[in-house]
Structures are given as C-alpha cells and as structure tokens.
Amino acid sequence: MSDLIEFRHFKYILAVAETENITRAADRLFVAQPSLSKQIKDLEDDIGIPIFLRNREGVETTPAGQIIVAYAQDALLTRTETLAMARAVHRGEVPPLRLGFSPFIKSGLLQVFRESYARMFPECEIQLAGGDQANTLLRLEHGTLDAAFLPMPVDRTALIVHEVSREPLVVCMRTDNPLARESEVPLPVLATKLKIFRDPETHPSAHERLIEMLSQVGIKPTVSCLATTPADIQLMVRGGYGVALIDQSSVVEADLTTRPIAGVRWTADTAFVHNCESSHPALRVVARVLQKMTKSRLHKKANLSRKDMPLQLDLLA
C-alpha cells in the first residue's frame, strides 16, 4: 500500500464507499464536501488508481477500489483494536484470558502461545481449562471460555476458527511389532491392524471424516477400542490391542514407535477458536497475529512439490 495513504484517507474512503455519496460522507465526517471530493481525487491521482466512479446518483466503487476499501476496513479495525488493548494493558484492565484446550492438543503449542501472549501483553493472566471437544465448544458458545485450541474440524457457525497447526498422521505401534522394521506401513496392512480410535463421542465430525478418508483408500476399519485421551491410546497400543493413528509430533512411550503411512499424506490440524461475540480486549489482536503466522507458514509450504504436499485430513486422531 502506498505511503501516500494516511489513516485519514482510510476514513474518507470508507465513508464514501459506505454512503455511496460524497455529500453524505462529508456530513458523516464533519468536513466540507468540496474538500473531501478534492482529497479523494488527489489521492486517486497520486496512487494512479480510480477508487470511485462518479455519476449523478452518487459514486460507485471500482473493482480496484474494492481492494482499497477492504484494506481500509482492516487497517482501521486493527488500529482501533490495538489501541483499545494498549489502553487496557496500561490501565491494568485486561481480564484473565480463559483458554480451553483439548487433551489431543500438544503441550508445546500451549507453551508457545503462553510465551507469545506474555510478550504481547505483560502481566496479563491466562487461565487454562482442559476438556473434551463437545464440552469446550459449549463453553465457548456460552461465554465461559474466551478461546480454545481444538482439533479440526470445528463446525459451529457461531465460532471463528483459525488454523494454527498441521502435522502429518503416523501409525503408532509397539517397538516389537514386525511393522516397526519397515520404513512405512502399507495401506493393506494398516487395514487389518488399525483398531484403536479416539472415542467418536468426543469429536463426532472428526471421526466421521477419518472413516471417510480411510474408505477412500479402501479401508473399512474395525473400531474395537475407544480412547478419550492420547495416554489411553498409547496404553492400548502398548497392551497389544492394535495400532493407532497419532500426530507425528506426539511424544510416545519408550516401548512404542511410529511409522508413516505409505502412499498418503494425511494431516492432523489444530485451530484457535473463539466466539465472534467475545468482548475480551486481547482476543482479536491475538487472532490477527495467529492468522498472519498461519498465512506465512502456508505460503512457505506452497513451495513444496505437488506429490509432497500433505492431503488435509482435518482431524486429530
């Protein structure tokens, strides 16, 4: 965006776009109509882009102008939210951030978030609340939690979802399992050994998605053992009840190991979730930072070759 555009220009552009009329925009802004018209025209000349088309009925935003208007909306909202948060920190008025998390979320993710939050908002407390997916979503909707880290998919329209992590899924097995001698687990073998799953009641949509993905590669698993925590999954694998799919970055017990699945690149995705109506002053600032970090990470992954790109599974099994 050109250095010639200042915040006052953003206010002018937004007012004209919303009112579709220079005179009405000038009244809203408490400026003279000729002055507003001239400043908009001067700005268009400086950046070399027509933002508005003038006609007898008023003004119409050009396709290029729509991009400028969207940027103006985002810039003004970011400034407002950032200043509000800065004032709240200065006055000591930031309430604790009530942060929920699923047991299937990596502890390292929470630690990184905590450290980053402390740098952005010194001396602002985080209150953690663990729980299963369904209960955490209800608490978010009822306002007893401000935000949460949860496995995807999150299919609640009242919530805002920002993907923050994407990790490959691998097969967890005992170290004495003959499969441990192989570099990958073939799909036909996985079909006969995969018996341990996260309890569908803890996250029904994720389980349905997993079964769908397995079906697409010809696997109709026997779901015989159900776990509610990652520790339960490892306990069952260690007990010889079968193998399980887990996040590649998971820490496994000494007598367990993991192997990738041959021919597929499934991923376990994690999201930062919050209620769109939440009033916590830090929330939107945090969400914006996470969103920018995610876009940067996904942009880097776009440089991978097509065959190396992971097939998104949108779950944490």
C-alpha atoms as a PDB file:
ATOM      1  CA  MET A   1       0.000   0.000   0.000  1.00  0.00           C
ATOM      2  CA  SER A   2       1.317   3.442  -0.934  1.00  0.00           C
ATOM      3  CA  ASP A   3       2.937   5.607   1.738  1.00  0.00           C
ATOM      4  CA  LEU A   4       0.795   8.422   0.363  1.00  0.00           C
ATOM      5  CA  ILE A   5      -2.284   6.920   2.026  1.00  0.00           C
ATOM      6  CA  GLU A   6      -2.751   8.055   5.610  1.00  0.00           C
ATOM      7  CA  PHE A   7      -5.296   6.951   8.205  1.00  0.00           C
ATOM      8  CA  ARG A   8      -7.481   9.966   7.454  1.00  0.00           C
ATOM      9  CA  HIS A   9      -7.666   8.764   3.862  1.00  0.00           C
ATOM     10  CA  PHE A  10      -8.878   5.365   5.079  1.00  0.00           C
ATOM     11  CA  LYS A  11     -11.699   7.100   6.961  1.00  0.00           C
ATOM     12  CA  TYR A  12     -12.606   9.139   3.880  1.00  0.00           C
ATOM     13  CA  ILE A  13     -12.559   6.123   1.559  1.00  0.00           C
ATOM     14  CA  LEU A  14     -14.657   4.022   3.902  1.00  0.00           C
ATOM     15  CA  ALA A  15     -17.241   6.747   4.447  1.00  0.00           C
ATOM     16  CA  VAL A  16     -17.666   7.348   0.719  1.00  0.00           C
ATOM     17  CA  ALA A  17     -17.880   3.609  -0.010  1.00  0.00           C
ATOM     18  CA  GLU A  18     -20.497   3.042   2.673  1.00  0.00           C
ATOM     19  CA  THR A  19     -22.679   6.048   1.856  1.00  0.00           C
ATOM     20  CA  GLU A  20     -22.133   5.871  -1.926  1.00  0.00           C
ATOM     21  CA  ASN A  21     -22.327   9.641  -1.910  1.00  0.00           C
ATOM     22  CA  ILE A  22     -19.685  12.339  -1.392  1.00  0.00           C
ATOM     23  CA  THR A  23     -22.087  14.760   0.306  1.00  0.00           C
ATOM     24  CA  ARG A  24     -23.415  12.194   2.784  1.00  0.00           C
ATOM     25  CA  ALA A  25     -19.861  11.035   3.503  1.00  0.00           C
ATOM     26  CA  ALA A  26     -18.780  14.638   4.159  1.00  0.00           C
ATOM     27  CA  ASP A  27     -21.669  15.091   6.593  1.00  0.00           C
ATOM     28  CA  ARG A  28     -20.690  11.932   8.435  1.00  0.00           C
ATOM     29  CA  LEU A  29     -17.070  13.036   8.657  1.00  0.00           C
ATOM     30  CA  PHE A  30     -17.899  16.685   9.540  1.00  0.00           C
ATOM     31  CA  VAL A  31     -15.813  18.003   6.663  1.00  0.00           C
ATOM     32  CA  ALA A  32     -16.727  20.230   3.721  1.00  0.00           C
ATOM     33  CA  GLN A  33     -17.949  18.358   0.656  1.00  0.00           C
ATOM     34  CA  PRO A  34     -15.579  20.129  -1.806  1.00  0.00           C
ATOM     35  CA  SER A  35     -12.618  19.396   0.471  1.00  0.00           C
ATOM     36  CA  LEU A  36     -13.496  15.688   0.751  1.00  0.00           C
ATOM     37  CA  SER A  37     -14.055  15.397  -3.001  1.00  0.00           C
ATOM     38  CA  LYS A  38     -10.706  17.039  -3.732  1.00  0.00           C
ATOM     39  CA  GLN A  39      -8.781  14.875  -1.262  1.00  0.00           C
ATOM     40  CA  ILE A  40     -10.236  11.686  -2.715  1.00  0.00           C
ATOM     41  CA  LYS A  41      -9.443  12.856  -6.261  1.00  0.00           C
ATOM     42  CA  ASP A  42      -5.899  13.905  -5.281  1.00  0.00           C
ATOM     43  CA  LEU A  43      -5.329  10.510  -3.660  1.00  0.00           C
ATOM     44  CA  GLU A  44      -6.553   8.682  -6.772  1.00  0.00           C
ATOM     45  CA  ASP A  45      -4.183  10.767  -8.913  1.00  0.00           C
ATOM     46  CA  ASP A  46      -1.263  10.093  -6.563  1.00  0.00           C
ATOM     47  CA  ILE A  47      -1.688   6.304  -6.469  1.00  0.00           C
ATOM     48  CA  GLY A  48      -2.785   6.066 -10.113  1.00  0.00           C
ATOM     49  CA  ILE A  49      -5.946   4.073  -9.328  1.00  0.00           C
ATOM     50  CA  PRO A  50      -9.585   5.202  -9.681  1.00  0.00           C
ATOM     51  CA  ILE A  51     -11.219   4.203  -6.378  1.00  0.00           C
ATOM     52  CA  PHE A  52     -14.673   5.546  -7.241  1.00  0.00           C
ATOM     53  CA  LEU A  53     -16.736   6.220 -10.350  1.00  0.00           C
ATOM     54  CA  ARG A  54     -18.810   9.419 -10.090  1.00  0.00           C
ATOM     55  CA  ASN A  55     -22.318   9.613 -11.524  1.00  0.00           C
ATOM     56  CA  ARG A  56     -25.485  11.643 -10.989  1.00  0.00           C
ATOM     57  CA  GLU A  57     -26.797   9.263  -8.350  1.00  0.00           C
ATOM     58  CA  GLY A  58     -23.579   9.313  -6.321  1.00  0.00           C
ATOM     59  CA  VAL A  59     -20.441   7.181  -6.509  1.00  0.00           C
ATOM     60  CA  GLU A  60     -19.677   3.532  -7.222  1.00  0.00           C
ATOM     61  CA  THR A  61     -16.592   1.692  -6.011  1.00  0.00           C
ATOM     62  CA  THR A  62     -14.399   0.347  -8.827  1.00  0.00           C
ATOM     63  CA  PRO A  63     -13.074  -3.252  -8.739  1.00  0.00           C
ATOM     64  CA  ALA A  64      -9.621  -1.904  -7.856  1.00  0.00           C
ATOM     65  CA  GLY A  65     -11.230   0.424  -5.339  1.00  0.00           C
ATOM     66  CA  GLN A  66     -12.898  -2.515  -3.603  1.00  0.00           C
ATOM     67  CA  ILE A  67      -9.438  -3.799  -2.719  1.00  0.00           C
ATOM     68  CA  ILE A  68      -8.519  -0.395  -1.281  1.00  0.00           C
ATOM     69  CA  VAL A  69     -11.802  -0.261   0.674  1.00  0.00           C
ATOM     70  CA  ALA A  70     -11.205  -3.738   2.147  1.00  0.00           C
ATOM     71  CA  TYR A  71      -7.702  -2.700   3.174  1.00  0.00           C
ATOM     72  CA  ALA A  72      -9.073   0.480   4.750  1.00  0.00           C
ATOM     73  CA  GLN A  73     -11.612  -1.506   6.769  1.00  0.00           C
ATOM     74  CA  ASP A  74      -8.939  -3.890   8.019  1.00  0.00           C
ATOM     75  CA  ALA A  75      -6.445  -1.121   8.825  1.00  0.00           C
ATOM     76  CA  LEU A  76      -8.953   0.969  10.780  1.00  0.00           C
ATOM     77  CA  LEU A  77     -10.246  -2.050  12.699  1.00  0.00           C
ATOM     78  CA  THR A  78      -6.713  -3.184  13.532  1.00  0.00           C
ATOM     79  CA  ARG A  79      -5.801   0.284  14.776  1.00  0.00           C
ATOM     80  CA  THR A  80      -8.928   0.512  16.922  1.00  0.00           C
ATOM     81  CA  GLU A  81      -8.430  -2.913  18.479  1.00  0.00           C
ATOM     82  CA  THR A  82      -4.703  -2.368  19.058  1.00  0.00           C
ATOM     83  CA  LEU A  83      -5.219   0.990  20.761  1.00  0.00           C
ATOM     84  CA  ALA A  84      -8.012  -0.426  22.912  1.00  0.00           C
ATOM     85  CA  MET A  85      -5.781  -3.285  24.021  1.00  0.00           C
ATOM     86  CA  ALA A  86      -2.832  -0.968  24.693  1.00  0.00           C
ATOM     87  CA  ARG A  87      -5.021   1.286  26.854  1.00  0.00           C
ATOM     88  CA  ALA A  88      -6.381  -1.727  28.742  1.00  0.00           C
ATOM     89  CA  VAL A  89      -2.854  -3.016  29.432  1.00  0.00           C
ATOM     90  CA  HIS A  90      -1.709   0.434  30.558  1.00  0.00           C
ATOM     91  CA  ARG A  91      -4.648   0.756  32.963  1.00  0.00           C
ATOM     92  CA  GLY A  92      -4.352  -2.803  34.253  1.00  0.00           C
ATOM     93  CA  GLU A  93      -7.851  -3.589  32.982  1.00  0.00           C
ATOM     94  CA  VAL A  94      -7.165  -6.745  30.987  1.00  0.00           C
ATOM     95  CA  PRO A  95      -9.175  -9.651  32.427  1.00  0.00           C
ATOM     96  CA  PRO A  96      -7.674 -13.159  32.500  1.00  0.00           C
ATOM     97  CA  LEU A  97      -7.845 -14.939  29.150  1.00  0.00           C
ATOM     98  CA  ARG A  98      -9.910 -18.078  29.757  1.00  0.00           C
ATOM     99  CA  LEU A  99      -8.319 -20.551  27.353  1.00  0.00           C
ATOM    100  CA  GLY A 100      -9.712 -24.026  26.774  1.00  0.00           C
ATOM    101  CA  PHE A 101      -7.857 -26.922  25.195  1.00  0.00           C
ATOM    102  CA  SER A 102      -8.456 -30.494  24.138  1.00  0.00           C
ATOM    103  CA  PRO A 103      -6.311 -33.313  25.592  1.00  0.00           C
ATOM    104  CA  PHE A 104      -5.316 -34.039  21.991  1.00  0.00           C
ATOM    105  CA  ILE A 105      -3.560 -30.664  21.691  1.00  0.00           C
ATOM    106  CA  LYS A 106       0.211 -30.729  22.046  1.00  0.00           C
ATOM    107  CA  SER A 107       1.501 -29.190  25.282  1.00  0.00           C
ATOM    108  CA  GLY A 108       4.227 -27.450  23.301  1.00  0.00           C
ATOM    109  CA  LEU A 109       1.619 -25.444  21.406  1.00  0.00           C
ATOM    110  CA  LEU A 110       0.141 -24.141  24.647  1.00  0.00           C
ATOM    111  CA  GLN A 111       3.599 -23.235  25.930  1.00  0.00           C
ATOM    112  CA  VAL A 112       4.483 -21.313  22.775  1.00  0.00           C
ATOM    113  CA  PHE A 113       1.169 -19.468  22.961  1.00  0.00           C
ATOM    114  CA  ARG A 114       1.687 -18.631  26.623  1.00  0.00           C
ATOM    115  CA  GLU A 115       5.164 -17.224  25.969  1.00  0.00           C
ATOM    116  CA  SER A 116       3.975 -15.196  22.973  1.00  0.00           C
ATOM    117  CA  TYR A 117       0.985 -13.850  24.893  1.00  0.00           C
ATOM    118  CA  ALA A 118       3.239 -12.793  27.765  1.00  0.00           C
ATOM    119  CA  ARG A 119       5.450 -10.856  25.349  1.00  0.00           C
ATOM    120  CA  MET A 120       2.474  -9.095  23.764  1.00  0.00           C
ATOM    121  CA  PHE A 121       0.580  -8.462  26.998  1.00  0.00           C
ATOM    122  CA  PRO A 122       2.919  -8.484  30.017  1.00  0.00           C
ATOM    123  CA  GLU A 123       1.373  -9.390  33.367  1.00  0.00           C
ATOM    124  CA  CYS A 124      -1.913 -10.442  31.716  1.00  0.00           C
ATOM    125  CA  GLU A 125      -3.054 -13.777  33.124  1.00  0.00           C
ATOM    126  CA  ILE A 126      -4.083 -16.907  31.209  1.00  0.00           C
ATOM    127  CA  GLN A 127      -6.466 -19.361  32.879  1.00  0.00           C
ATOM    128  CA  LEU A 128      -6.332 -22.820  31.272  1.00  0.00           C
ATOM    129  CA  ALA A 129      -9.273 -25.222  31.167  1.00  0.00           C
ATOM    130  CA  GLY A 130      -8.894 -28.700  29.691  1.00  0.00           C
ATOM    131  CA  GLY A 131     -11.867 -30.667  28.446  1.00  0.00           C
ATOM    132  CA  ASP A 132     -13.308 -32.757  25.661  1.00  0.00           C
ATOM    133  CA  GLN A 133     -14.241 -31.164  22.342  1.00  0.00           C
ATOM    134  CA  ALA A 134     -18.013 -31.063  22.854  1.00  0.00           C
ATOM    135  CA  ASN A 135     -17.867 -29.509  26.319  1.00  0.00           C
ATOM    136  CA  THR A 136     -15.265 -26.954  25.289  1.00  0.00           C
ATOM    137  CA  LEU A 137     -17.368 -25.873  22.305  1.00  0.00           C
ATOM    138  CA  LEU A 138     -20.393 -25.432  24.560  1.00  0.00           C
ATOM    139  CA  ARG A 139     -18.379 -23.314  26.974  1.00  0.00           C
ATOM    140  CA  LEU A 140     -17.189 -21.138  24.104  1.00  0.00           C
ATOM    141  CA  GLU A 141     -20.752 -20.633  22.902  1.00  0.00           C
ATOM    142  CA  HIS A 142     -21.992 -19.838  26.416  1.00  0.00           C
ATOM    143  CA  GLY A 143     -19.171 -17.366  27.055  1.00  0.00           C
ATOM    144  CA  THR A 144     -17.491 -19.152  29.969  1.00  0.00           C
ATOM    145  CA  LEU A 145     -14.379 -19.550  27.816  1.00  0.00           C
ATOM    146  CA  ASP A 146     -12.824 -16.800  25.681  1.00  0.00           C
ATOM    147  CA  ALA A 147     -10.936 -19.052  23.265  1.00  0.00           C
ATOM    148  CA  ALA A 148      -9.627 -22.575  22.840  1.00  0.00           C
ATOM    149  CA  PHE A 149      -7.144 -24.723  20.968  1.00  0.00           C
ATOM    150  CA  LEU A 150      -9.089 -27.596  19.407  1.00  0.00           C
ATOM    151  CA  PRO A 151      -8.654 -30.304  16.773  1.00  0.00           C
ATOM    152  CA  MET A 152     -10.334 -29.608  13.464  1.00  0.00           C
ATOM    153  CA  PRO A 153     -12.925 -29.739  12.030  1.00  0.00           C
ATOM    154  CA  VAL A 154     -14.876 -27.249  14.137  1.00  0.00           C
ATOM    155  CA  ASP A 155     -18.343 -26.995  12.638  1.00  0.00           C
ATOM    156  CA  ARG A 156     -20.034 -24.310  14.733  1.00  0.00           C
ATOM    157  CA  THR A 157     -21.189 -21.235  12.822  1.00  0.00           C
ATOM    158  CA  ALA A 158     -21.107 -19.001  15.910  1.00  0.00           C
ATOM    159  CA  LEU A 159     -17.361 -19.516  16.293  1.00  0.00           C
ATOM    160  CA  ILE A 160     -14.373 -18.092  14.435  1.00  0.00           C
ATOM    161  CA  VAL A 161     -11.763 -20.692  13.511  1.00  0.00           C
ATOM    162  CA  HIS A 162      -8.093 -20.003  12.716  1.00  0.00           C
ATOM    163  CA  GLU A 163      -5.975 -22.986  11.672  1.00  0.00           C
ATOM    164  CA  VAL A 164      -2.650 -22.798  13.540  1.00  0.00           C
ATOM    165  CA  SER A 165      -1.015 -26.200  13.133  1.00  0.00           C
ATOM    166  CA  ARG A 166      -0.899 -29.016  10.592  1.00  0.00           C
ATOM    167  CA  GLU A 167       1.025 -32.186  11.412  1.00  0.00           C
ATOM    168  CA  PRO A 168       1.300 -35.486   9.480  1.00  0.00           C
ATOM    169  CA  LEU A 169      -0.539 -38.506  10.850  1.00  0.00           C
ATOM    170  CA  VAL A 170       1.561 -41.611  11.502  1.00  0.00           C
ATOM    171  CA  VAL A 171       0.942 -45.130  12.760  1.00  0.00           C
ATOM    172  CA  CYS A 172       1.711 -45.751  16.434  1.00  0.00           C
ATOM    173  CA  MET A 173       2.823 -49.315  17.274  1.00  0.00           C
ATOM    174  CA  ARG A 174       4.877 -51.318  19.751  1.00  0.00           C
ATOM    175  CA  THR A 175       8.619 -51.448  19.118  1.00  0.00           C
ATOM    176  CA  ASP A 176       8.426 -55.263  18.941  1.00  0.00           C
ATOM    177  CA  ASN A 177       5.764 -55.120  16.229  1.00  0.00           C
ATOM    178  CA  PRO A 178       7.112 -56.555  12.934  1.00  0.00           C
ATOM    179  CA  LEU A 179       5.871 -53.366  11.249  1.00  0.00           C
ATOM    180  CA  ALA A 180       8.491 -51.421  13.206  1.00  0.00           C
ATOM    181  CA  ARG A 181      11.150 -52.984  10.981  1.00  0.00           C
ATOM    182  CA  GLU A 182       9.579 -51.336   7.928  1.00  0.00           C
ATOM    183  CA  SER A 183      10.091 -47.724   6.837  1.00  0.00           C
ATOM    184  CA  GLU A 184       6.376 -47.285   6.035  1.00  0.00           C
ATOM    185  CA  VAL A 185       3.110 -49.059   6.768  1.00  0.00           C
ATOM    186  CA  PRO A 186       1.343 -50.288   3.585  1.00  0.00           C
ATOM    187  CA  LEU A 187      -2.357 -49.483   3.376  1.00  0.00           C
ATOM    188  CA  PRO A 188      -3.446 -53.174   3.149  1.00  0.00           C
ATOM    189  CA  VAL A 189      -1.571 -53.909   6.371  1.00  0.00           C
ATOM    190  CA  LEU A 190      -2.994 -50.828   8.082  1.00  0.00           C
ATOM    191  CA  ALA A 191      -6.472 -52.052   7.165  1.00  0.00           C
ATOM    192  CA  THR A 192      -6.012 -55.195   9.276  1.00  0.00           C
ATOM    193  CA  LYS A 193      -4.144 -53.642  12.220  1.00  0.00           C
ATOM    194  CA  LEU A 194      -5.917 -50.303  12.802  1.00  0.00           C
ATOM    195  CA  LYS A 195      -8.305 -50.949  15.688  1.00  0.00           C
ATOM    196  CA  ILE A 196      -7.688 -48.160  18.227  1.00  0.00           C
ATOM    197  CA  PHE A 197      -9.529 -44.874  17.743  1.00  0.00           C
ATOM    198  CA  ARG A 198     -10.464 -41.800  19.656  1.00  0.00           C
ATOM    199  CA  ASP A 199     -13.974 -42.185  21.073  1.00  0.00           C
ATOM    200  CA  PRO A 200     -16.355 -40.794  18.393  1.00  0.00           C
ATOM    201  CA  GLU A 201     -18.479 -39.143  21.091  1.00  0.00           C
ATOM    202  CA  THR A 202     -15.613 -36.791  21.973  1.00  0.00           C
ATOM    203  CA  HIS A 203     -15.465 -35.407  18.414  1.00  0.00           C
ATOM    204  CA  PRO A 204     -18.070 -36.946  16.070  1.00  0.00           C
ATOM    205  CA  SER A 205     -17.237 -34.873  12.973  1.00  0.00           C
ATOM    206  CA  ALA A 206     -13.534 -35.758  13.179  1.00  0.00           C
ATOM    207  CA  HIS A 207     -14.336 -39.460  13.477  1.00  0.00           C
ATOM    208  CA  GLU A 208     -16.702 -39.296  10.511  1.00  0.00           C
ATOM    209  CA  ARG A 209     -14.055 -37.545   8.450  1.00  0.00           C
ATOM    210  CA  LEU A 210     -11.439 -40.131   9.384  1.00  0.00           C
ATOM    211  CA  ILE A 211     -13.708 -43.025   8.413  1.00  0.00           C
ATOM    212  CA  GLU A 212     -14.450 -41.252   5.127  1.00  0.00           C
ATOM    213  CA  MET A 213     -10.762 -40.821   4.338  1.00  0.00           C
ATOM    214  CA  LEU A 214      -9.998 -44.431   5.202  1.00  0.00           C
ATOM    215  CA  SER A 215     -12.864 -45.553   2.971  1.00  0.00           C
ATOM    216  CA  GLN A 216     -11.425 -43.562   0.072  1.00  0.00           C
ATOM    217  CA  VAL A 217      -8.306 -45.764   0.153  1.00  0.00           C
ATOM    218  CA  GLY A 218     -10.263 -48.988   0.586  1.00  0.00           C
ATOM    219  CA  ILE A 219     -10.033 -49.360   4.350  1.00  0.00           C
ATOM    220  CA  LYS A 220     -13.117 -50.257   6.380  1.00  0.00           C
ATOM    221  CA  PRO A 221     -11.646 -50.453   9.875  1.00  0.00           C
ATOM    222  CA  THR A 222     -12.894 -52.410  12.840  1.00  0.00           C
ATOM    223  CA  VAL A 223     -13.332 -49.811  15.582  1.00  0.00           C
ATOM    224  CA  SER A 224     -12.870 -52.072  18.591  1.00  0.00           C
ATOM    225  CA  CYS A 225     -11.024 -49.886  21.118  1.00  0.00           C
ATOM    226  CA  LEU A 226     -12.016 -46.323  22.007  1.00  0.00           C
ATOM    227  CA  ALA A 227      -9.847 -43.778  23.821  1.00  0.00           C
ATOM    228  CA  THR A 228     -10.656 -40.377  25.306  1.00  0.00           C
ATOM    229  CA  THR A 229      -7.059 -39.174  25.759  1.00  0.00           C
ATOM    230  CA  PRO A 230      -3.697 -39.642  23.984  1.00  0.00           C
ATOM    231  CA  ALA A 231      -2.479 -41.541  27.064  1.00  0.00           C
ATOM    232  CA  ASP A 232      -5.335 -44.015  26.636  1.00  0.00           C
ATOM    233  CA  ILE A 233      -4.347 -44.563  23.006  1.00  0.00           C
ATOM    234  CA  GLN A 234      -0.758 -45.364  23.925  1.00  0.00           C
ATOM    235  CA  LEU A 235      -1.887 -47.617  26.771  1.00  0.00           C
ATOM    236  CA  MET A 236      -3.999 -49.665  24.347  1.00  0.00           C
ATOM    237  CA  VAL A 237      -1.226 -49.857  21.748  1.00  0.00           C
ATOM    238  CA  ARG A 238       1.224 -50.925  24.438  1.00  0.00           C
ATOM    239  CA  GLY A 239      -1.278 -53.585  25.570  1.00  0.00           C
ATOM    240  CA  GLY A 240      -1.286 -55.146  22.105  1.00  0.00           C
ATOM    241  CA  TYR A 241      -4.855 -54.229  21.113  1.00  0.00           C
ATOM    242  CA  GLY A 242      -3.794 -52.919  17.701  1.00  0.00           C
ATOM    243  CA  VAL A 243      -2.214 -49.839  16.135  1.00  0.00           C
ATOM    244  CA  ALA A 244      -3.485 -46.263  16.105  1.00  0.00           C
ATOM    245  CA  LEU A 245      -3.086 -43.055  14.113  1.00  0.00           C
ATOM    246  CA  ILE A 246      -1.455 -40.195  16.000  1.00  0.00           C
ATOM    247  CA  ASP A 247       0.137 -36.829  15.352  1.00  0.00           C
ATOM    248  CA  GLN A 248       3.729 -37.224  14.134  1.00  0.00           C
ATOM    249  CA  SER A 249       4.999 -34.753  16.745  1.00  0.00           C
ATOM    250  CA  SER A 250       3.445 -36.693  19.652  1.00  0.00           C
ATOM    251  CA  VAL A 251       5.865 -37.950  22.306  1.00  0.00           C
ATOM    252  CA  VAL A 252       5.474 -41.732  22.625  1.00  0.00           C
ATOM    253  CA  GLU A 253       6.479 -44.078  25.420  1.00  0.00           C
ATOM    254  CA  ALA A 254       9.852 -45.833  25.246  1.00  0.00           C
ATOM    255  CA  ASP A 255       8.309 -49.143  24.139  1.00  0.00           C
ATOM    256  CA  LEU A 256       6.346 -47.509  21.319  1.00  0.00           C
ATOM    257  CA  THR A 257       7.350 -46.088  17.947  1.00  0.00           C
ATOM    258  CA  THR A 258       5.745 -44.572  14.845  1.00  0.00           C
ATOM    259  CA  ARG A 259       5.917 -45.086  11.096  1.00  0.00           C
ATOM    260  CA  PRO A 260       4.447 -43.069   8.183  1.00  0.00           C
ATOM    261  CA  ILE A 261       1.655 -44.460   6.027  1.00  0.00           C
ATOM    262  CA  ALA A 262       2.707 -45.466   2.513  1.00  0.00           C
ATOM    263  CA  GLY A 263       1.098 -43.531  -0.310  1.00  0.00           C
ATOM    264  CA  VAL A 264      -0.877 -40.933   1.650  1.00  0.00           C
ATOM    265  CA  ARG A 265      -0.117 -37.637   3.356  1.00  0.00           C
ATOM    266  CA  TRP A 266      -2.870 -37.170   5.912  1.00  0.00           C
ATOM    267  CA  THR A 267      -2.595 -34.406   8.462  1.00  0.00           C
ATOM    268  CA  ALA A 268      -3.928 -33.590  11.915  1.00  0.00           C
ATOM    269  CA  ASP A 269      -4.992 -29.945  12.055  1.00  0.00           C
ATOM    270  CA  THR A 270      -5.368 -27.715  15.088  1.00  0.00           C
ATOM    271  CA  ALA A 271      -7.335 -24.472  15.336  1.00  0.00           C
ATOM    272  CA  PHE A 272      -7.507 -21.439  17.595  1.00  0.00           C
ATOM    273  CA  VAL A 273     -11.236 -20.936  18.149  1.00  0.00           C
ATOM    274  CA  HIS A 274     -13.161 -18.055  19.682  1.00  0.00           C
ATOM    275  CA  ASN A 275     -16.683 -16.699  19.833  1.00  0.00           C
ATOM    276  CA  CYS A 276     -17.318 -13.869  17.378  1.00  0.00           C
ATOM    277  CA  GLU A 277     -19.176 -12.010  20.144  1.00  0.00           C
ATOM    278  CA  SER A 278     -16.454 -12.304  22.779  1.00  0.00           C
ATOM    279  CA  SER A 279     -15.548  -8.994  24.404  1.00  0.00           C
ATOM    280  CA  HIS A 280     -12.059  -9.876  25.657  1.00  0.00           C
ATOM    281  CA  PRO A 281      -9.809  -6.993  24.517  1.00  0.00           C
ATOM    282  CA  ALA A 282      -6.842  -9.218  23.626  1.00  0.00           C
ATOM    283  CA  LEU A 283      -8.728 -11.728  21.557  1.00  0.00           C
ATOM    284  CA  ARG A 284      -8.883 -10.053  18.164  1.00  0.00           C
ATOM    285  CA  VAL A 285      -5.262  -8.914  18.396  1.00  0.00           C
ATOM    286  CA  VAL A 286      -4.157 -12.476  19.158  1.00  0.00           C
ATOM    287  CA  ALA A 287      -6.320 -13.875  16.363  1.00  0.00           C
ATOM    288  CA  ARG A 288      -4.808 -11.454  13.845  1.00  0.00           C
ATOM    289  CA  VAL A 289      -1.270 -12.408  14.854  1.00  0.00           C
ATOM    290  CA  LEU A 290      -2.069 -16.123  14.584  1.00  0.00           C
ATOM    291  CA  GLN A 291      -3.738 -15.591  11.215  1.00  0.00           C
ATOM    292  CA  LYS A 292      -0.688 -13.814   9.809  1.00  0.00           C
ATOM    293  CA  MET A 293       1.633 -16.526  11.172  1.00  0.00           C
ATOM    294  CA  THR A 294      -0.522 -19.239   9.576  1.00  0.00           C
ATOM    295  CA  LYS A 295      -0.599 -17.470   6.198  1.00  0.00           C
ATOM    296  CA  SER A 296       3.184 -17.168   6.287  1.00  0.00           C
ATOM    297  CA  ARG A 297       3.588 -20.855   7.145  1.00  0.00           C
ATOM    298  CA  LEU A 298       1.185 -21.997   4.428  1.00  0.00           C
ATOM    299  CA  HIS A 299       2.923 -19.744   1.886  1.00  0.00           C
ATOM    300  CA  LYS A 300       6.232 -21.473   2.635  1.00  0.00           C
ATOM    301  CA  LYS A 301       4.608 -24.888   2.247  1.00  0.00           C
ATOM    302  CA  ALA A 302       3.292 -23.833  -1.164  1.00  0.00           C
ATOM    303  CA  ASN A 303       6.859 -24.191  -2.455  1.00  0.00           C
ATOM    304  CA  LEU A 304       6.706 -27.968  -1.922  1.00  0.00           C
ATOM    305  CA  SER A 305       6.204 -30.169  -4.971  1.00  0.00           C
ATOM    306  CA  ARG A 306       2.674 -31.432  -5.591  1.00  0.00           C
ATOM    307  CA  LYS A 307       3.500 -35.016  -4.623  1.00  0.00           C
ATOM    308  CA  ASP A 308       4.984 -33.877  -1.305  1.00  0.00           C
ATOM    309  CA  MET A 309       2.010 -31.744  -0.321  1.00  0.00           C
ATOM    310  CA  PRO A 310       0.052 -33.273   2.571  1.00  0.00           C
ATOM    311  CA  LEU A 311      -3.539 -34.310   1.943  1.00  0.00           C
ATOM    312  CA  GLN A 312      -5.536 -32.409   4.546  1.00  0.00           C
ATOM    313  CA  LEU A 313      -7.467 -34.722   6.845  1.00  0.00           C
ATOM    314  CA  ASP A 314      -8.761 -32.028   9.186  1.00  0.00           C
ATOM    315  CA  LEU A 315      -8.676 -34.130  12.324  1.00  0.00           C
ATOM    316  CA  LEU A 316      -6.544 -35.227  15.212  1.00  0.00           C
ATOM    317  CA  ALA A 317      -6.983 -38.971  15.619  1.00  0.00           C
END
